């Protein structure tokens, strides 16, 4: 049986992760294992962040509309 060599595939995978970890401090951008953990964590945070951004902006819009409505002597709930 011929052994399987993963040279290109493994290098590509590691290179992709290290590319994503660019700008991280210290070993987080240089060592694959640490960088991989940090990239996974960052991707999780970015996913959650996209959901939170929608909530935050909705709150901001509501408070702006409410402030504008109160200048016209009505409340947000009456709009």
C-alpha atoms as a PDB file:
ATOM      1  CA  UNK A   1       0.000   0.000   0.000  1.00  0.00           C
ATOM      2  CA  UNK A   2       1.270   3.438  -0.875  1.00  0.00           C
ATOM      3  CA  UNK A   3       1.142   5.956   1.945  1.00  0.00           C
ATOM      4  CA  UNK A   4      -0.936   9.077   1.501  1.00  0.00           C
ATOM      5  CA  UNK A   5       1.007  12.320   1.497  1.00  0.00           C
ATOM      6  CA  UNK A   6      -1.000  15.404   2.367  1.00  0.00           C
ATOM      7  CA  UNK A   7       1.661  17.967   1.499  1.00  0.00           C
ATOM      8  CA  UNK A   8      -0.325  20.377  -0.666  1.00  0.00           C
ATOM      9  CA  UNK A   9      -3.652  19.985   1.093  1.00  0.00           C
ATOM     10  CA  UNK A  10      -2.217  20.444   4.582  1.00  0.00           C
ATOM     11  CA  UNK A  11      -0.084  23.423   3.551  1.00  0.00           C
ATOM     12  CA  UNK A  12      -3.048  25.108   1.878  1.00  0.00           C
ATOM     13  CA  UNK A  13      -5.214  24.593   4.960  1.00  0.00           C
ATOM     14  CA  UNK A  14      -2.594  25.950   7.333  1.00  0.00           C
ATOM     15  CA  UNK A  15      -1.810  28.868   5.065  1.00  0.00           C
ATOM     16  CA  UNK A  16      -5.526  29.780   4.878  1.00  0.00           C
ATOM     17  CA  UNK A  17      -5.845  29.821   8.672  1.00  0.00           C
ATOM     18  CA  UNK A  18      -2.636  31.824   9.162  1.00  0.00           C
ATOM     19  CA  UNK A  19      -3.843  34.297   6.544  1.00  0.00           C
ATOM     20  CA  UNK A  20      -7.078  34.780   8.512  1.00  0.00           C
ATOM     21  CA  UNK A  21      -5.026  35.248  11.706  1.00  0.00           C
ATOM     22  CA  UNK A  22      -3.002  38.109  10.232  1.00  0.00           C
ATOM     23  CA  UNK A  23      -2.829  41.040  12.621  1.00  0.00           C
ATOM     24  CA  UNK A  24      -3.281  38.943  15.761  1.00  0.00           C
ATOM     25  CA  UNK A  25      -0.651  39.459  18.469  1.00  0.00           C
ATOM     26  CA  UNK A  26       2.280  37.151  19.158  1.00  0.00           C
ATOM     27  CA  UNK A  27       1.907  33.414  18.600  1.00  0.00           C
ATOM     28  CA  UNK A  28      -1.750  33.922  17.682  1.00  0.00           C
ATOM     29  CA  UNK A  29      -0.655  34.936  14.211  1.00  0.00           C
ATOM     30  CA  UNK A  30       2.394  32.666  13.818  1.00  0.00           C
ATOM     31  CA  UNK A  31       1.718  29.214  15.243  1.00  0.00           C
ATOM     32  CA  UNK A  32      -0.916  27.177  13.453  1.00  0.00           C
ATOM     33  CA  UNK A  33      -2.478  25.507  16.490  1.00  0.00           C
ATOM     34  CA  UNK A  34      -2.932  28.715  18.438  1.00  0.00           C
ATOM     35  CA  UNK A  35      -3.933  30.670  15.337  1.00  0.00           C
ATOM     36  CA  UNK A  36      -6.545  28.049  14.457  1.00  0.00           C
ATOM     37  CA  UNK A  37      -8.159  28.358  17.896  1.00  0.00           C
ATOM     38  CA  UNK A  38      -8.189  32.138  17.680  1.00  0.00           C
ATOM     39  CA  UNK A  39      -9.615  32.168  14.159  1.00  0.00           C
ATOM     40  CA  UNK A  40     -12.416  29.795  15.212  1.00  0.00           C
ATOM     41  CA  UNK A  41     -13.173  32.005  18.204  1.00  0.00           C
ATOM     42  CA  UNK A  42     -13.114  35.136  16.044  1.00  0.00           C
ATOM     43  CA  UNK A  43     -15.479  33.577  13.504  1.00  0.00           C
ATOM     44  CA  UNK A  44     -17.892  32.683  16.319  1.00  0.00           C
ATOM     45  CA  UNK A  45     -17.739  36.232  17.669  1.00  0.00           C
ATOM     46  CA  UNK A  46     -18.270  37.723  14.217  1.00  0.00           C
ATOM     47  CA  UNK A  47     -21.341  35.536  13.665  1.00  0.00           C
ATOM     48  CA  UNK A  48     -22.830  36.605  16.990  1.00  0.00           C
ATOM     49  CA  UNK A  49     -21.807  40.209  16.329  1.00  0.00           C
ATOM     50  CA  UNK A  50     -23.773  40.341  13.093  1.00  0.00           C
ATOM     51  CA  UNK A  51     -26.913  39.349  15.008  1.00  0.00           C
ATOM     52  CA  UNK A  52     -26.215  41.855  17.812  1.00  0.00           C
ATOM     53  CA  UNK A  53     -25.653  44.672  15.335  1.00  0.00           C
ATOM     54  CA  UNK A  54     -29.223  44.290  14.096  1.00  0.00           C
ATOM     55  CA  UNK A  55     -30.537  44.520  17.678  1.00  0.00           C
ATOM     56  CA  UNK A  56     -28.408  47.545  18.530  1.00  0.00           C
ATOM     57  CA  UNK A  57     -29.408  49.466  15.408  1.00  0.00           C
ATOM     58  CA  UNK A  58     -33.086  48.634  15.927  1.00  0.00           C
ATOM     59  CA  UNK A  59     -32.851  50.069  19.450  1.00  0.00           C
ATOM     60  CA  UNK A  60     -31.131  53.182  18.103  1.00  0.00           C
ATOM     61  CA  UNK A  61     -33.739  53.703  15.364  1.00  0.00           C
ATOM     62  CA  UNK A  62     -36.604  53.311  17.838  1.00  0.00           C
ATOM     63  CA  UNK A  63     -35.092  55.822  20.259  1.00  0.00           C
ATOM     64  CA  UNK A  64     -34.474  58.310  17.410  1.00  0.00           C
ATOM     65  CA  UNK A  65     -38.017  57.939  16.084  1.00  0.00           C
ATOM     66  CA  UNK A  66     -39.370  58.260  19.630  1.00  0.00           C
ATOM     67  CA  UNK A  67     -37.362  61.453  20.251  1.00  0.00           C
ATOM     68  CA  UNK A  68     -38.581  62.917  16.974  1.00  0.00           C
ATOM     69  CA  UNK A  69     -42.160  61.919  17.725  1.00  0.00           C
ATOM     70  CA  UNK A  70     -42.053  63.510  21.181  1.00  0.00           C
ATOM     71  CA  UNK A  71     -41.080  66.831  19.582  1.00  0.00           C
ATOM     72  CA  UNK A  72     -44.403  66.605  17.738  1.00  0.00           C
ATOM     73  CA  UNK A  73     -46.201  65.841  21.037  1.00  0.00           C
ATOM     74  CA  UNK A  74     -46.910  62.179  20.355  1.00  0.00           C
ATOM     75  CA  UNK A  75     -45.246  59.018  21.613  1.00  0.00           C
ATOM     76  CA  UNK A  76     -43.638  56.209  19.642  1.00  0.00           C
ATOM     77  CA  UNK A  77     -46.462  53.823  20.502  1.00  0.00           C
ATOM     78  CA  UNK A  78     -49.052  56.210  19.018  1.00  0.00           C
ATOM     79  CA  UNK A  79     -47.363  56.314  15.605  1.00  0.00           C
END
